[in-house]
Structure formats: C-alpha cells, structure tokens
C-alpha cells in the first residue's frame, strides 16, 4: 500500500515537472518574441528618426530656397523699378527738349518768313536797277562738217567723231593739213579702241601721203607703240628711229628714245 502511494506521489511529481517545463518553454518563447519585437521596434524607431531628420533637412532646404527666391524677386523688382524711373525721367527730359525745340522752330520759321519778305523786296529792287537792255540774241554760227568732227573729237565723243571723220576722208573735199589731221585723229581713235590694224593703216597713210604734216611726230610715235604692243619689235625700232631722225626736236622723239633704249 505504501509503495503504491509512493508511486502515485512520484507520478504526480513527475507530471508537475513536465508542466513546469512546458510553461518554461512558453515563457522562453514569449521572451524571445518580446526581444524580437523590441528589436523590430528599435529598428522602426531608428528609421522613423532618420525619416524625421530627412524631412527636417528637406523642410530647411525648401525654406532656404523660398527665402532665396523671395530675395531674388525683391532684387529684380527693385532693379526693374529703378529702370522704369530712369526711363520716365529720360522721357520727361526728352519731352521738355522737344517742347523747347518746337518753340524755337516756330520762332525760326517766323524769322525766316520775315527774312524772305525782305530778301524778295531787295532782289526785286536789284533786278530793276541792274536789268540789262534788251538786245537781239546772236545767232550761233553753224559749224562746218570738218569743225563739227574736230569739236566732237576734242570733247572725246569718239563714236560720233569717228563716223564724221570717215565721211570727210571719203568725200575727198578735205586736203592738205586738214586731211592729215583727219587721218591722225582716226588713227588715235582706233588706237584707243585697241583696233591696232586699222590704226596702223591710218598712221601709215598719214606719214606716206603727208610727210610734211605737223601731225607726223605723234603719228609715228603711236605707230611704233602699235608695233611694240603687237610684239613686232624690229618694226617698232625702225619706226622710233625714223621719228628721232626726222623730227629730232619734237617732244615725241624724247619719248621714242626712252622706249628704244628699253627695246635694245
């Protein structure tokens, strides 16, 4: 009987120990869960603090940027206000200047009007005093075809003069030095037009048909220049030599000597 009671007590004691172990495990699990929760809570708190700090920084930056924007706006507004005031002042000064100029212009117009009236009276008086007596207008003497051609040549109307000179040469009414002059002028017109072949013919005719004409020194000089321009060096030398020998005192001979010295 005693043994049976002992075994029952022992059994009860063993059961109580198992219950305690179970409870201890539950306590341990709860403790671990609490620790984990505390860690999670601590992490959450740290993240929350970090977020709050960032929010504070952003708020500070926003406030700073807002302050800078306001200052910039104030500066720009102040500058624009000063420019507007300057423009208004310039406009005021310009208006005053224009008003003065307008008054001065009106005064000047009035004075000019007075001066014109006085000047008109003065000119009228002078015209009466100095008016010449009426005389019959002299009729201009009509030029001959020869004189008309020479007038056009002197005034460098070469196109018109050329045609007139060619008509005179063809008519054969012009003789002596007058005809020599026609040949000379035609030669010069063609030379200036760089029509060397035609110019050469006129200057050659001038020398051969009118050897004593006063236009030959100039004609020979330009005939030599034509040979020089057309690279006919020997003919140029001969022409300049004839000019120097035939007309040693002519100014054209001096120029011919200079050209001849270059050709040798």
C-alpha atoms as a PDB file:
ATOM      1  CA  UNK A   1       0.000   0.000   0.000  1.00  0.00           C
ATOM      2  CA  UNK A   2       2.719   2.390   0.922  1.00  0.00           C
ATOM      3  CA  UNK A   3       4.585   1.523  -2.252  1.00  0.00           C
ATOM      4  CA  UNK A   4       1.503   2.216  -4.284  1.00  0.00           C
ATOM      5  CA  UNK A   5       1.065   5.610  -2.620  1.00  0.00           C
ATOM      6  CA  UNK A   6       4.754   6.404  -3.195  1.00  0.00           C
ATOM      7  CA  UNK A   7       4.490   5.558  -6.837  1.00  0.00           C
ATOM      8  CA  UNK A   8       1.435   7.772  -7.206  1.00  0.00           C
ATOM      9  CA  UNK A   9       3.208  10.637  -5.490  1.00  0.00           C
ATOM     10  CA  UNK A  10       6.215  10.074  -7.688  1.00  0.00           C
ATOM     11  CA  UNK A  11       3.991  10.021 -10.737  1.00  0.00           C
ATOM     12  CA  UNK A  12       2.313  13.235  -9.649  1.00  0.00           C
ATOM     13  CA  UNK A  13       5.708  14.774  -9.013  1.00  0.00           C
ATOM     14  CA  UNK A  14       6.842  13.719 -12.488  1.00  0.00           C
ATOM     15  CA  UNK A  15       3.716  15.216 -14.089  1.00  0.00           C
ATOM     16  CA  UNK A  16       4.215  18.505 -12.314  1.00  0.00           C
ATOM     17  CA  UNK A  17       7.760  18.734 -13.621  1.00  0.00           C
ATOM     18  CA  UNK A  18       6.593  18.248 -17.235  1.00  0.00           C
ATOM     19  CA  UNK A  19       4.027  21.007 -16.804  1.00  0.00           C
ATOM     20  CA  UNK A  20       6.623  23.331 -15.462  1.00  0.00           C
ATOM     21  CA  UNK A  21       8.926  22.522 -18.363  1.00  0.00           C
ATOM     22  CA  UNK A  22       6.138  23.321 -20.789  1.00  0.00           C
ATOM     23  CA  UNK A  23       5.452  26.594 -19.051  1.00  0.00           C
ATOM     24  CA  UNK A  24       9.120  27.471 -19.009  1.00  0.00           C
ATOM     25  CA  UNK A  25       9.315  26.844 -22.752  1.00  0.00           C
ATOM     26  CA  UNK A  26       6.288  29.109 -23.280  1.00  0.00           C
ATOM     27  CA  UNK A  27       7.903  31.797 -21.132  1.00  0.00           C
ATOM     28  CA  UNK A  28      11.132  31.389 -23.041  1.00  0.00           C
ATOM     29  CA  UNK A  29       9.335  31.682 -26.405  1.00  0.00           C
ATOM     30  CA  UNK A  30       7.454  34.731 -25.237  1.00  0.00           C
ATOM     31  CA  UNK A  31      10.685  36.284 -24.025  1.00  0.00           C
ATOM     32  CA  UNK A  32      12.337  35.658 -27.361  1.00  0.00           C
ATOM     33  CA  UNK A  33       9.341  37.087 -29.200  1.00  0.00           C
ATOM     34  CA  UNK A  34       9.455  40.143 -26.961  1.00  0.00           C
ATOM     35  CA  UNK A  35      13.151  40.554 -27.693  1.00  0.00           C
ATOM     36  CA  UNK A  36      12.494  40.259 -31.422  1.00  0.00           C
ATOM     37  CA  UNK A  37       9.643  42.727 -31.128  1.00  0.00           C
ATOM     38  CA  UNK A  38      11.862  45.106 -29.235  1.00  0.00           C
ATOM     39  CA  UNK A  39      14.499  44.827 -31.973  1.00  0.00           C
ATOM     40  CA  UNK A  40      11.889  45.444 -34.643  1.00  0.00           C
ATOM     41  CA  UNK A  41      10.521  48.341 -32.639  1.00  0.00           C
ATOM     42  CA  UNK A  42      14.047  49.730 -32.188  1.00  0.00           C
ATOM     43  CA  UNK A  43      14.706  49.456 -35.943  1.00  0.00           C
ATOM     44  CA  UNK A  44      11.379  51.103 -36.703  1.00  0.00           C
ATOM     45  CA  UNK A  45      12.158  53.872 -34.232  1.00  0.00           C
ATOM     46  CA  UNK A  46      15.581  54.398 -35.821  1.00  0.00           C
ATOM     47  CA  UNK A  47      14.084  54.527 -39.300  1.00  0.00           C
ATOM     48  CA  UNK A  48      11.403  56.893 -38.079  1.00  0.00           C
ATOM     49  CA  UNK A  49      14.039  59.143 -36.519  1.00  0.00           C
ATOM     50  CA  UNK A  50      16.056  59.016 -39.772  1.00  0.00           C
ATOM     51  CA  UNK A  51      12.956  59.920 -41.791  1.00  0.00           C
ATOM     52  CA  UNK A  52      12.161  62.759 -39.422  1.00  0.00           C
ATOM     53  CA  UNK A  53      15.721  64.080 -39.816  1.00  0.00           C
ATOM     54  CA  UNK A  54      15.472  63.910 -43.618  1.00  0.00           C
ATOM     55  CA  UNK A  55      12.085  65.611 -43.514  1.00  0.00           C
ATOM     56  CA  UNK A  56      13.596  68.330 -41.348  1.00  0.00           C
ATOM     57  CA  UNK A  57      16.501  68.760 -43.807  1.00  0.00           C
ATOM     58  CA  UNK A  58      14.147  68.940 -46.779  1.00  0.00           C
ATOM     59  CA  UNK A  59      11.964  71.408 -44.946  1.00  0.00           C
ATOM     60  CA  UNK A  60      15.052  73.526 -44.208  1.00  0.00           C
ATOM     61  CA  UNK A  61      16.133  73.422 -47.863  1.00  0.00           C
ATOM     62  CA  UNK A  62      12.628  74.351 -49.019  1.00  0.00           C
ATOM     63  CA  UNK A  63      12.533  77.249 -46.599  1.00  0.00           C
ATOM     64  CA  UNK A  64      16.024  78.364 -47.672  1.00  0.00           C
ATOM     65  CA  UNK A  65      15.150  78.141 -51.373  1.00  0.00           C
ATOM     66  CA  UNK A  66      11.944  80.015 -50.734  1.00  0.00           C
ATOM     67  CA  UNK A  67      13.899  82.699 -48.941  1.00  0.00           C
ATOM     68  CA  UNK A  68      16.445  82.953 -51.775  1.00  0.00           C
ATOM     69  CA  UNK A  69      13.642  83.094 -54.372  1.00  0.00           C
ATOM     70  CA  UNK A  70      11.958  85.878 -52.471  1.00  0.00           C
ATOM     71  CA  UNK A  71      15.245  87.799 -52.184  1.00  0.00           C
ATOM     72  CA  UNK A  72      15.944  87.319 -55.880  1.00  0.00           C
ATOM     73  CA  UNK A  73      12.450  88.502 -56.737  1.00  0.00           C
ATOM     74  CA  UNK A  74      12.846  91.528 -54.495  1.00  0.00           C
ATOM     75  CA  UNK A  75      16.196  92.380 -56.151  1.00  0.00           C
ATOM     76  CA  UNK A  76      14.778  92.001 -59.679  1.00  0.00           C
ATOM     77  CA  UNK A  77      11.703  94.019 -58.774  1.00  0.00           C
ATOM     78  CA  UNK A  78      13.858  96.773 -57.286  1.00  0.00           C
ATOM     79  CA  UNK A  79      16.070  96.848 -60.415  1.00  0.00           C
ATOM     80  CA  UNK A  80      13.078  96.997 -62.740  1.00  0.00           C
ATOM     81  CA  UNK A  81      11.560  99.783 -60.665  1.00  0.00           C
ATOM     82  CA  UNK A  82      14.800 101.791 -60.920  1.00  0.00           C
ATOM     83  CA  UNK A  83      14.930 101.250 -64.715  1.00  0.00           C
ATOM     84  CA  UNK A  84      11.323 102.383 -65.069  1.00  0.00           C
ATOM     85  CA  UNK A  85      12.082 105.507 -63.064  1.00  0.00           C
ATOM     86  CA  UNK A  86      15.134 106.194 -65.256  1.00  0.00           C
ATOM     87  CA  UNK A  87      13.065 105.777 -68.430  1.00  0.00           C
ATOM     88  CA  UNK A  88      10.363 108.024 -67.063  1.00  0.00           C
ATOM     89  CA  UNK A  89      12.951 110.692 -66.244  1.00  0.00           C
ATOM     90  CA  UNK A  90      14.517 110.396 -69.707  1.00  0.00           C
ATOM     91  CA  UNK A  91      11.082 110.693 -71.284  1.00  0.00           C
ATOM     92  CA  UNK A  92      10.361 113.789 -69.214  1.00  0.00           C
ATOM     93  CA  UNK A  93      13.653 115.414 -70.256  1.00  0.00           C
ATOM     94  CA  UNK A  94      13.010 114.498 -73.902  1.00  0.00           C
ATOM     95  CA  UNK A  95       9.509 115.977 -73.782  1.00  0.00           C
ATOM     96  CA  UNK A  96      10.866 119.219 -72.352  1.00  0.00           C
ATOM     97  CA  UNK A  97      13.570 119.319 -75.042  1.00  0.00           C
ATOM     98  CA  UNK A  98      11.016 118.709 -77.806  1.00  0.00           C
ATOM     99  CA  UNK A  99       8.775 121.454 -76.462  1.00  0.00           C
ATOM    100  CA  UNK A 100      11.709 123.882 -76.437  1.00  0.00           C
ATOM    101  CA  UNK A 101      12.701 122.835 -79.956  1.00  0.00           C
ATOM    102  CA  UNK A 102       9.141 123.291 -81.154  1.00  0.00           C
ATOM    103  CA  UNK A 103       9.041 126.802 -79.733  1.00  0.00           C
ATOM    104  CA  UNK A 104      12.453 127.570 -81.234  1.00  0.00           C
ATOM    105  CA  UNK A 105      11.312 126.155 -84.586  1.00  0.00           C
ATOM    106  CA  UNK A 106       8.223 128.314 -84.645  1.00  0.00           C
ATOM    107  CA  UNK A 107      10.300 131.374 -83.821  1.00  0.00           C
ATOM    108  CA  UNK A 108      12.819 130.444 -86.521  1.00  0.00           C
ATOM    109  CA  UNK A 109      10.085 129.946 -89.112  1.00  0.00           C
ATOM    110  CA  UNK A 110       8.669 133.346 -88.295  1.00  0.00           C
ATOM    111  CA  UNK A 111      12.108 134.946 -88.629  1.00  0.00           C
ATOM    112  CA  UNK A 112      12.786 133.144 -91.917  1.00  0.00           C
ATOM    113  CA  UNK A 113       9.464 134.323 -93.250  1.00  0.00           C
ATOM    114  CA  UNK A 114      10.385 137.895 -92.407  1.00  0.00           C
ATOM    115  CA  UNK A 115      13.817 137.468 -93.975  1.00  0.00           C
ATOM    116  CA  UNK A 116      12.268 136.047 -97.153  1.00  0.00           C
ATOM    117  CA  UNK A 117       9.935 139.016 -97.475  1.00  0.00           C
ATOM    118  CA  UNK A 118      12.866 141.395 -97.056  1.00  0.00           C
ATOM    119  CA  UNK A 119      15.050 139.430 -99.489  1.00  0.00           C
ATOM    120  CA  UNK A 120      12.325 139.324-102.133  1.00  0.00           C
ATOM    121  CA  UNK A 121      11.957 143.080-101.941  1.00  0.00           C
ATOM    122  CA  UNK A 122      15.727 143.523-102.169  1.00  0.00           C
ATOM    123  CA  UNK A 123      16.044 141.232-105.173  1.00  0.00           C
ATOM    124  CA  UNK A 124      13.177 142.972-106.915  1.00  0.00           C
ATOM    125  CA  UNK A 125      14.897 146.317-106.390  1.00  0.00           C
ATOM    126  CA  UNK A 126      18.224 144.984-107.627  1.00  0.00           C
ATOM    127  CA  UNK A 127      16.623 143.442-110.669  1.00  0.00           C
ATOM    128  CA  UNK A 128      15.139 146.784-111.656  1.00  0.00           C
ATOM    129  CA  UNK A 129      18.469 148.578-111.220  1.00  0.00           C
ATOM    130  CA  UNK A 130      20.719 146.003-112.930  1.00  0.00           C
ATOM    131  CA  UNK A 131      18.347 144.776-115.646  1.00  0.00           C
ATOM    132  CA  UNK A 132      20.255 144.820-118.958  1.00  0.00           C
ATOM    133  CA  UNK A 133      18.830 146.396-122.008  1.00  0.00           C
ATOM    134  CA  UNK A 134      17.135 144.027-124.363  1.00  0.00           C
ATOM    135  CA  UNK A 135      19.365 143.097-127.233  1.00  0.00           C
ATOM    136  CA  UNK A 136      18.891 140.798-130.120  1.00  0.00           C
ATOM    137  CA  UNK A 137      20.240 137.300-129.431  1.00  0.00           C
ATOM    138  CA  UNK A 138      23.200 136.461-131.578  1.00  0.00           C
ATOM    139  CA  UNK A 139      22.624 133.543-133.834  1.00  0.00           C
ATOM    140  CA  UNK A 140      25.249 130.821-133.321  1.00  0.00           C
ATOM    141  CA  UNK A 141      27.292 130.281-136.376  1.00  0.00           C
ATOM    142  CA  UNK A 142      26.737 126.820-137.776  1.00  0.00           C
ATOM    143  CA  UNK A 143      29.826 124.625-137.741  1.00  0.00           C
ATOM    144  CA  UNK A 144      31.177 123.096-140.906  1.00  0.00           C
ATOM    145  CA  UNK A 145      31.302 119.265-141.056  1.00  0.00           C
ATOM    146  CA  UNK A 146      35.061 119.474-140.513  1.00  0.00           C
ATOM    147  CA  UNK A 147      34.778 121.738-137.460  1.00  0.00           C
ATOM    148  CA  UNK A 148      31.916 119.638-136.056  1.00  0.00           C
ATOM    149  CA  UNK A 149      34.037 116.483-136.333  1.00  0.00           C
ATOM    150  CA  UNK A 150      37.017 118.175-134.659  1.00  0.00           C
ATOM    151  CA  UNK A 151      34.790 119.568-131.891  1.00  0.00           C
ATOM    152  CA  UNK A 152      33.436 116.098-131.098  1.00  0.00           C
ATOM    153  CA  UNK A 153      36.982 114.667-131.133  1.00  0.00           C
ATOM    154  CA  UNK A 154      38.257 117.334-128.692  1.00  0.00           C
ATOM    155  CA  UNK A 155      35.335 116.623-126.367  1.00  0.00           C
ATOM    156  CA  UNK A 156      36.025 112.866-126.500  1.00  0.00           C
ATOM    157  CA  UNK A 157      32.864 111.995-128.332  1.00  0.00           C
ATOM    158  CA  UNK A 158      34.839 109.458-130.285  1.00  0.00           C
ATOM    159  CA  UNK A 159      31.991 107.350-131.621  1.00  0.00           C
ATOM    160  CA  UNK A 160      30.316 110.321-133.268  1.00  0.00           C
ATOM    161  CA  UNK A 161      33.634 111.879-134.326  1.00  0.00           C
ATOM    162  CA  UNK A 162      34.816 108.634-135.960  1.00  0.00           C
ATOM    163  CA  UNK A 163      31.840 108.484-138.306  1.00  0.00           C
ATOM    164  CA  UNK A 164      32.169 112.171-139.203  1.00  0.00           C
ATOM    165  CA  UNK A 165      35.920 111.841-139.859  1.00  0.00           C
ATOM    166  CA  UNK A 166      35.419 108.778-142.048  1.00  0.00           C
ATOM    167  CA  UNK A 167      32.827 110.684-144.101  1.00  0.00           C
ATOM    168  CA  UNK A 168      35.266 113.581-144.522  1.00  0.00           C
ATOM    169  CA  UNK A 169      38.027 111.194-145.631  1.00  0.00           C
ATOM    170  CA  UNK A 170      35.723 109.519-148.143  1.00  0.00           C
ATOM    171  CA  UNK A 171      34.441 112.802-149.596  1.00  0.00           C
ATOM    172  CA  UNK A 172      37.939 113.911-150.677  1.00  0.00           C
ATOM    173  CA  UNK A 173      36.930 117.564-150.182  1.00  0.00           C
ATOM    174  CA  UNK A 174      39.441 117.955-147.324  1.00  0.00           C
ATOM    175  CA  UNK A 175      43.039 118.422-148.467  1.00  0.00           C
ATOM    176  CA  UNK A 176      46.469 119.303-147.095  1.00  0.00           C
ATOM    177  CA  UNK A 177      46.997 119.503-143.315  1.00  0.00           C
ATOM    178  CA  UNK A 178      43.249 119.253-142.724  1.00  0.00           C
ATOM    179  CA  UNK A 179      43.228 115.840-144.383  1.00  0.00           C
ATOM    180  CA  UNK A 180      46.377 114.871-142.450  1.00  0.00           C
ATOM    181  CA  UNK A 181      44.607 115.834-139.234  1.00  0.00           C
ATOM    182  CA  UNK A 182      41.628 113.651-140.172  1.00  0.00           C
ATOM    183  CA  UNK A 183      43.960 110.668-140.728  1.00  0.00           C
ATOM    184  CA  UNK A 184      45.750 111.363-137.427  1.00  0.00           C
ATOM    185  CA  UNK A 185      42.535 111.591-135.393  1.00  0.00           C
ATOM    186  CA  UNK A 186      41.121 108.416-136.948  1.00  0.00           C
ATOM    187  CA  UNK A 187      44.386 106.643-136.115  1.00  0.00           C
ATOM    188  CA  UNK A 188      44.172 107.817-132.488  1.00  0.00           C
ATOM    189  CA  UNK A 189      40.510 106.766-132.126  1.00  0.00           C
ATOM    190  CA  UNK A 190      41.300 103.265-133.389  1.00  0.00           C
ATOM    191  CA  UNK A 191      44.424 103.072-131.192  1.00  0.00           C
ATOM    192  CA  UNK A 192      42.420 103.919-128.064  1.00  0.00           C
ATOM    193  CA  UNK A 193      39.893 101.268-129.085  1.00  0.00           C
ATOM    194  CA  UNK A 194      42.824  98.812-129.414  1.00  0.00           C
ATOM    195  CA  UNK A 195      41.995  98.225-133.069  1.00  0.00           C
ATOM    196  CA  UNK A 196      45.673  98.209-133.966  1.00  0.00           C
ATOM    197  CA  UNK A 197      45.404  97.011-137.556  1.00  0.00           C
ATOM    198  CA  UNK A 198      43.090  99.862-138.581  1.00  0.00           C
ATOM    199  CA  UNK A 199      45.062 102.382-136.530  1.00  0.00           C
ATOM    200  CA  UNK A 200      48.291 101.208-138.234  1.00  0.00           C
ATOM    201  CA  UNK A 201      46.777 101.903-141.670  1.00  0.00           C
ATOM    202  CA  UNK A 202      45.743 105.467-140.765  1.00  0.00           C
ATOM    203  CA  UNK A 203      49.137 106.378-139.230  1.00  0.00           C
ATOM    204  CA  UNK A 204      50.992 104.832-142.214  1.00  0.00           C
ATOM    205  CA  UNK A 205      48.878 106.829-144.675  1.00  0.00           C
ATOM    206  CA  UNK A 206      49.494 109.957-142.653  1.00  0.00           C
ATOM    207  CA  UNK A 207      53.281 109.612-142.980  1.00  0.00           C
ATOM    208  CA  UNK A 208      53.379 108.469-146.604  1.00  0.00           C
ATOM    209  CA  UNK A 209      50.694 110.810-148.018  1.00  0.00           C
ATOM    210  CA  UNK A 210      51.557 113.863-145.902  1.00  0.00           C
ATOM    211  CA  UNK A 211      55.250 113.605-144.898  1.00  0.00           C
ATOM    212  CA  UNK A 212      55.467 117.321-144.004  1.00  0.00           C
ATOM    213  CA  UNK A 213      52.313 117.469-141.884  1.00  0.00           C
ATOM    214  CA  UNK A 214      52.808 118.587-138.244  1.00  0.00           C
ATOM    215  CA  UNK A 215      50.871 115.529-137.005  1.00  0.00           C
ATOM    216  CA  UNK A 216      53.536 113.032-138.113  1.00  0.00           C
ATOM    217  CA  UNK A 217      55.696 113.050-134.927  1.00  0.00           C
ATOM    218  CA  UNK A 218      52.709 111.931-132.873  1.00  0.00           C
ATOM    219  CA  UNK A 219      51.554 109.550-135.596  1.00  0.00           C
ATOM    220  CA  UNK A 220      54.993 107.861-135.812  1.00  0.00           C
ATOM    221  CA  UNK A 221      55.198 107.602-132.014  1.00  0.00           C
ATOM    222  CA  UNK A 222      51.905 105.734-131.779  1.00  0.00           C
ATOM    223  CA  UNK A 223      52.691 103.676-134.871  1.00  0.00           C
ATOM    224  CA  UNK A 224      55.838 102.492-133.069  1.00  0.00           C
ATOM    225  CA  UNK A 225      53.762 101.735-129.937  1.00  0.00           C
ATOM    226  CA  UNK A 226      51.398  99.642-132.054  1.00  0.00           C
ATOM    227  CA  UNK A 227      54.345  97.540-133.326  1.00  0.00           C
ATOM    228  CA  UNK A 228      55.563  97.265-129.731  1.00  0.00           C
ATOM    229  CA  UNK A 229      52.130  96.083-128.493  1.00  0.00           C
ATOM    230  CA  UNK A 230      51.839  93.517-131.297  1.00  0.00           C
ATOM    231  CA  UNK A 231      55.338  92.160-130.488  1.00  0.00           C
ATOM    232  CA  UNK A 232      56.769  93.376-133.834  1.00  0.00           C
ATOM    233  CA  UNK A 233      59.961  94.594-132.173  1.00  0.00           C
ATOM    234  CA  UNK A 234      62.054  95.246-135.279  1.00  0.00           C
ATOM    235  CA  UNK A 235      59.323  97.337-136.949  1.00  0.00           C
ATOM    236  CA  UNK A 236      58.927  99.247-133.674  1.00  0.00           C
ATOM    237  CA  UNK A 237      62.663 100.004-133.550  1.00  0.00           C
ATOM    238  CA  UNK A 238      62.667 101.186-137.185  1.00  0.00           C
ATOM    239  CA  UNK A 239      59.636 103.433-136.620  1.00  0.00           C
ATOM    240  CA  UNK A 240      61.119 105.047-133.486  1.00  0.00           C
ATOM    241  CA  UNK A 241      64.416 105.560-135.311  1.00  0.00           C
ATOM    242  CA  UNK A 242      62.667 107.304-138.239  1.00  0.00           C
ATOM    243  CA  UNK A 243      60.836 109.557-135.751  1.00  0.00           C
ATOM    244  CA  UNK A 244      64.068 110.513-133.943  1.00  0.00           C
ATOM    245  CA  UNK A 245      65.927 111.153-137.218  1.00  0.00           C
ATOM    246  CA  UNK A 246      63.131 113.053-138.991  1.00  0.00           C
ATOM    247  CA  UNK A 247      61.948 115.129-136.013  1.00  0.00           C
ATOM    248  CA  UNK A 248      64.880 115.385-133.584  1.00  0.00           C
ATOM    249  CA  UNK A 249      63.483 118.427-131.746  1.00  0.00           C
ATOM    250  CA  UNK A 250      59.942 117.064-131.270  1.00  0.00           C
ATOM    251  CA  UNK A 251      58.910 116.064-127.745  1.00  0.00           C
ATOM    252  CA  UNK A 252      57.734 112.723-129.161  1.00  0.00           C
ATOM    253  CA  UNK A 253      61.365 111.977-130.096  1.00  0.00           C
ATOM    254  CA  UNK A 254      62.398 112.108-126.425  1.00  0.00           C
ATOM    255  CA  UNK A 255      59.784 109.515-125.523  1.00  0.00           C
ATOM    256  CA  UNK A 256      60.800 107.402-128.532  1.00  0.00           C
ATOM    257  CA  UNK A 257      64.447 107.406-127.342  1.00  0.00           C
ATOM    258  CA  UNK A 258      63.392 106.092-123.902  1.00  0.00           C
ATOM    259  CA  UNK A 259      61.297 103.292-125.434  1.00  0.00           C
ATOM    260  CA  UNK A 260      64.053 102.457-127.920  1.00  0.00           C
ATOM    261  CA  UNK A 261      66.603 102.151-125.084  1.00  0.00           C
ATOM    262  CA  UNK A 262      64.326  99.585-123.418  1.00  0.00           C
ATOM    263  CA  UNK A 263      63.899  97.576-126.602  1.00  0.00           C
ATOM    264  CA  UNK A 264      67.665  97.194-127.184  1.00  0.00           C
END
